[in-house]
N, C-alpha and C. Protein backbone atom coordinates (compact mmCIF):
# COMPACT_ATOMS: atom_id res chain seq x y z
N MET A 1 4.58 18.62 1.61
CA MET A 1 3.84 17.81 1.33
C MET A 1 2.97 16.18 1.72
N SER A 2 1.94 16.16 2.26
CA SER A 2 1.51 15.21 2.92
C SER A 2 1.53 14.06 2.07
N GLY A 3 1.24 13.33 3.13
CA GLY A 3 1.46 12.01 2.66
C GLY A 3 0.24 11.79 1.81
N GLU A 4 -0.70 11.74 2.30
CA GLU A 4 -2.62 11.97 1.63
C GLU A 4 -2.23 11.94 -0.21
N LEU A 5 -1.49 13.34 -0.70
CA LEU A 5 -1.46 13.22 -1.69
C LEU A 5 -0.84 11.80 -2.12
N TYR A 6 0.50 11.69 -1.93
CA TYR A 6 0.17 11.14 -2.35
C TYR A 6 -0.82 9.53 -2.87
N GLU A 7 -1.18 9.16 -1.81
CA GLU A 7 -2.56 8.21 -1.54
C GLU A 7 -3.53 8.83 -1.93
N TYR A 8 -3.32 9.94 -2.24
CA TYR A 8 -4.58 10.38 -3.72
C TYR A 8 -4.26 10.33 -5.69
N LEU A 9 -2.80 10.19 -5.19
CA LEU A 9 -2.30 10.49 -6.96
C LEU A 9 -2.52 8.38 -7.32
N ALA A 10 -2.04 7.62 -6.16
CA ALA A 10 -2.43 6.37 -6.14
C ALA A 10 -3.44 6.39 -7.01
N THR A 11 -5.13 6.40 -6.17
CA THR A 11 -5.78 6.39 -6.67
C THR A 11 -6.47 5.85 -8.54
N ARG A 12 -5.56 7.45 -8.70
CA ARG A 12 -5.71 7.60 -10.11
C ARG A 12 -7.22 7.74 -10.23
N LEU A 13 -7.25 8.56 -9.54
CA LEU A 13 -9.08 8.98 -9.73
C LEU A 13 -9.10 10.90 -9.39
N PRO A 14 -9.06 11.61 -10.69
CA PRO A 14 -9.30 13.25 -10.59
C PRO A 14 -9.49 14.16 -9.31
N ILE A 15 -8.39 15.04 -9.01
CA ILE A 15 -7.85 15.20 -8.11
C ILE A 15 -8.52 17.06 -7.84
N LEU A 16 -8.76 17.31 -7.07
CA LEU A 16 -9.29 18.91 -7.06
C LEU A 16 -8.68 19.28 -6.35
N ARG A 17 -7.52 20.32 -6.01
CA ARG A 17 -6.87 21.17 -5.70
C ARG A 17 -7.87 22.23 -4.92
N VAL A 18 -7.72 23.29 -4.31
CA VAL A 18 -7.66 24.45 -4.47
C VAL A 18 -7.40 25.17 -3.13
N GLY A 19 -6.28 26.00 -3.69
CA GLY A 19 -5.28 27.08 -3.15
C GLY A 19 -4.45 27.25 -3.44
N PRO A 20 -3.35 28.08 -3.15
CA PRO A 20 -2.54 28.76 -3.69
C PRO A 20 -1.06 27.83 -4.74
N ASP A 21 -0.59 28.52 -5.94
CA ASP A 21 0.52 27.16 -6.18
C ASP A 21 1.92 27.37 -4.90
N GLY A 22 2.54 25.90 -5.90
CA GLY A 22 2.75 25.56 -4.86
C GLY A 22 3.70 24.07 -5.49
N ASP A 23 4.42 23.19 -4.11
CA ASP A 23 4.79 22.09 -4.75
C ASP A 23 3.41 20.80 -5.12
N ALA A 24 2.73 20.58 -4.54
CA ALA A 24 1.20 19.79 -4.37
C ALA A 24 0.89 20.61 -6.09
N ALA A 25 0.45 21.58 -5.88
CA ALA A 25 -0.30 21.88 -7.07
C ALA A 25 0.91 21.57 -8.50
N GLU A 26 2.41 21.93 -8.66
CA GLU A 26 2.99 21.57 -9.07
C GLU A 26 2.90 20.13 -9.70
N LEU A 27 3.42 19.23 -8.28
CA LEU A 27 2.78 17.71 -8.58
C LEU A 27 1.43 16.90 -9.07
N ILE A 28 0.68 17.67 -9.29
CA ILE A 28 -1.23 17.33 -9.87
C ILE A 28 -1.03 18.10 -10.84
N ASN A 29 -0.39 19.17 -11.17
CA ASN A 29 -0.13 19.19 -12.78
C ASN A 29 0.86 18.98 -13.44
N SER A 30 1.85 18.32 -12.90
CA SER A 30 2.94 17.60 -13.62
C SER A 30 2.70 16.80 -14.46
N THR A 31 1.44 15.51 -13.51
CA THR A 31 1.87 13.68 -13.34
C THR A 31 0.01 14.33 -13.91
N GLY A 32 -0.48 15.07 -14.43
CA GLY A 32 -1.96 15.28 -15.19
C GLY A 32 -2.91 14.66 -14.07
N ALA A 33 -2.42 14.72 -12.84
CA ALA A 33 -3.92 14.22 -11.85
C ALA A 33 -5.23 14.95 -11.55
N GLY A 34 -5.15 15.47 -12.41
CA GLY A 34 -6.49 16.48 -11.65
C GLY A 34 -6.34 18.00 -12.03
N LYS A 35 -7.57 18.76 -11.80
CA LYS A 35 -7.20 20.17 -11.06
C LYS A 35 -7.06 21.08 -10.37
N MET A 36 -6.10 22.12 -10.43
CA MET A 36 -5.88 23.25 -9.31
C MET A 36 -6.44 24.19 -9.78
N ILE A 37 -7.50 24.70 -8.50
CA ILE A 37 -8.14 26.31 -9.06
C ILE A 37 -7.36 26.89 -7.82
N LYS A 38 -7.14 28.15 -8.13
CA LYS A 38 -6.41 29.05 -6.99
C LYS A 38 -7.38 30.07 -6.88
N GLY A 39 -7.41 30.31 -5.52
CA GLY A 39 -8.83 31.47 -5.18
C GLY A 39 -9.84 30.47 -4.44
N HIS A 40 -11.09 31.62 -4.42
CA HIS A 40 -12.28 31.45 -4.61
C HIS A 40 -13.15 31.41 -6.06
N LYS A 41 -12.59 30.28 -6.68
CA LYS A 41 -13.69 30.61 -8.01
C LYS A 41 -14.59 29.41 -7.83
N GLY A 42 -15.26 29.65 -6.92
CA GLY A 42 -16.79 28.39 -6.60
C GLY A 42 -17.28 28.64 -8.35
N ASP A 43 -17.48 29.37 -9.59
CA ASP A 43 -17.95 28.49 -10.65
C ASP A 43 -16.90 27.21 -11.61
N LYS A 44 -15.76 27.15 -10.76
CA LYS A 44 -14.96 26.38 -11.30
C LYS A 44 -15.09 25.10 -10.34
N ILE A 45 -15.23 25.60 -9.68
CA ILE A 45 -15.23 24.57 -8.82
C ILE A 45 -16.47 23.24 -8.20
N GLU A 46 -17.44 23.81 -8.38
CA GLU A 46 -18.94 23.95 -8.70
C GLU A 46 -18.91 23.09 -9.93
N HIS A 47 -18.52 23.55 -11.56
CA HIS A 47 -18.50 23.13 -12.52
C HIS A 47 -17.52 21.12 -12.60
N PHE A 48 -16.20 21.51 -11.90
CA PHE A 48 -15.19 19.86 -11.75
C PHE A 48 -16.39 19.55 -10.72
N LEU A 49 -16.96 19.84 -9.82
CA LEU A 49 -17.63 18.21 -9.26
C LEU A 49 -19.10 17.75 -9.76
N GLN A 50 -19.22 19.09 -11.02
CA GLN A 50 -20.21 18.15 -11.03
C GLN A 50 -19.74 17.80 -12.77
N GLU A 51 -18.58 18.05 -13.33
CA GLU A 51 -18.24 16.37 -14.06
C GLU A 51 -17.82 15.20 -12.75
N ALA A 52 -17.56 15.90 -12.24
CA ALA A 52 -16.77 14.39 -11.60
C ALA A 52 -18.04 13.32 -11.13
N PHE A 53 -19.46 14.34 -10.47
CA PHE A 53 -20.34 13.31 -10.24
C PHE A 53 -21.05 12.92 -11.48
N LEU A 54 -20.62 13.65 -12.39
CA LEU A 54 -21.86 12.41 -13.26
C LEU A 54 -20.68 11.85 -13.90
N ALA A 55 -19.47 11.72 -14.45
CA ALA A 55 -19.05 10.34 -15.43
C ALA A 55 -18.74 9.46 -13.69
N TRP A 56 -19.21 9.40 -12.67
CA TRP A 56 -19.22 8.94 -11.57
C TRP A 56 -20.89 8.00 -11.22
N LYS A 57 -21.67 8.42 -11.69
CA LYS A 57 -22.74 8.17 -11.53
C LYS A 57 -23.34 7.44 -13.19
N ASN A 58 -22.33 8.26 -13.59
CA ASN A 58 -23.27 7.64 -15.25
C ASN A 58 -21.71 6.29 -15.84
N SER A 59 -20.92 5.66 -15.02
CA SER A 59 -19.52 4.62 -14.85
C SER A 59 -18.72 5.15 -15.37
N THR A 60 -18.70 6.21 -15.99
CA THR A 60 -18.14 6.80 -17.38
C THR A 60 -16.37 7.17 -16.04
N VAL A 61 -15.26 7.07 -15.14
CA VAL A 61 -14.67 8.20 -14.83
C VAL A 61 -13.88 7.41 -15.38
N THR A 62 -12.97 8.56 -15.51
CA THR A 62 -11.53 8.61 -16.01
C THR A 62 -10.55 8.65 -15.47
N TYR A 63 -9.85 7.55 -15.65
CA TYR A 63 -8.52 7.64 -14.23
C TYR A 63 -7.35 8.71 -15.33
N VAL A 64 -6.98 9.09 -14.06
CA VAL A 64 -6.05 9.96 -14.87
C VAL A 64 -4.89 10.00 -14.72
N GLY A 65 -3.49 10.55 -14.49
CA GLY A 65 -2.10 10.64 -14.13
C GLY A 65 -1.33 9.73 -15.75
N ARG A 66 -0.06 10.29 -15.86
CA ARG A 66 0.76 9.34 -16.66
C ARG A 66 1.11 8.33 -16.82
N GLY A 67 1.19 7.21 -17.40
CA GLY A 67 1.83 6.33 -17.27
C GLY A 67 1.14 5.63 -15.78
N ASN A 68 2.59 4.75 -15.67
CA ASN A 68 2.32 3.88 -14.43
C ASN A 68 3.12 5.33 -13.43
N ASN A 69 2.25 4.68 -12.67
CA ASN A 69 1.86 5.38 -11.51
C ASN A 69 3.10 5.85 -10.25
N ALA A 70 3.78 6.68 -11.06
CA ALA A 70 5.10 6.75 -9.93
C ALA A 70 5.30 6.96 -8.14
N TYR A 71 3.43 7.38 -7.83
CA TYR A 71 3.98 7.77 -6.12
C TYR A 71 2.72 6.71 -5.70
N THR A 72 3.18 5.71 -6.21
CA THR A 72 2.57 4.62 -4.96
C THR A 72 3.12 3.81 -4.25
N ARG A 73 2.89 3.76 -3.30
CA ARG A 73 3.82 3.30 -1.41
C ARG A 73 5.00 1.94 -2.55
N ALA A 74 4.89 1.36 -2.94
CA ALA A 74 5.81 0.40 -3.34
C ALA A 74 6.89 1.04 -4.40
N ARG A 75 6.77 2.15 -5.39
CA ARG A 75 7.41 2.66 -6.35
C ARG A 75 8.29 3.81 -5.06
N LEU A 76 7.93 4.38 -4.43
CA LEU A 76 7.86 5.21 -4.11
C LEU A 76 8.78 3.86 -2.50
N THR A 77 8.92 3.09 -2.58
CA THR A 77 10.02 2.83 -0.94
C THR A 77 10.80 2.85 -2.28
N GLN A 78 10.56 1.44 -3.52
CA GLN A 78 11.74 1.65 -4.49
C GLN A 78 13.05 2.27 -4.76
N ARG A 79 12.03 3.07 -5.12
CA ARG A 79 12.86 4.70 -4.86
C ARG A 79 14.26 4.80 -3.79
N LEU A 80 13.24 5.46 -2.80
CA LEU A 80 14.16 5.08 -1.75
C LEU A 80 15.31 4.39 -1.65
N VAL A 81 14.73 2.76 -1.28
CA VAL A 81 15.83 1.97 -1.29
C VAL A 81 17.07 2.08 -1.94
N THR A 82 16.78 2.50 -3.58
CA THR A 82 17.91 2.44 -4.46
C THR A 82 18.79 3.40 -3.73
N ASP A 83 17.64 4.67 -3.71
CA ASP A 83 18.72 5.80 -3.42
C ASP A 83 19.67 5.45 -1.85
N ILE A 84 19.25 5.29 -1.05
CA ILE A 84 19.57 5.19 -0.18
C ILE A 84 21.16 3.30 -0.25
N LEU A 85 20.79 2.83 -1.47
CA LEU A 85 22.00 1.30 -1.43
C LEU A 85 22.77 2.90 -2.29
N GLN A 86 22.54 4.06 -3.08
CA GLN A 86 23.92 4.27 -3.93
C GLN A 86 24.15 5.19 -3.42
N TRP A 87 23.45 5.31 -1.58
CA TRP A 87 24.63 6.52 -1.10
C TRP A 87 25.72 6.02 -0.49
């Protein structure tokens, strides 16, 4: 998975991912961080973008993700250090 995905998760803004199932889709779904759309489903993509735009326009953007974000740089680094020290 790309580092960009973790950066997007850290913003806690809704993420739209278009493509096949995989690790990135699993991470987005498990964190409740956005929507995964398989294939070329323009109507679903358009609907997601319209909702996101209206939320931004009306200042009602909903921050997503479950609890404290475990995917911030600080938390990932902390987990890495803990794993290294236990190794």
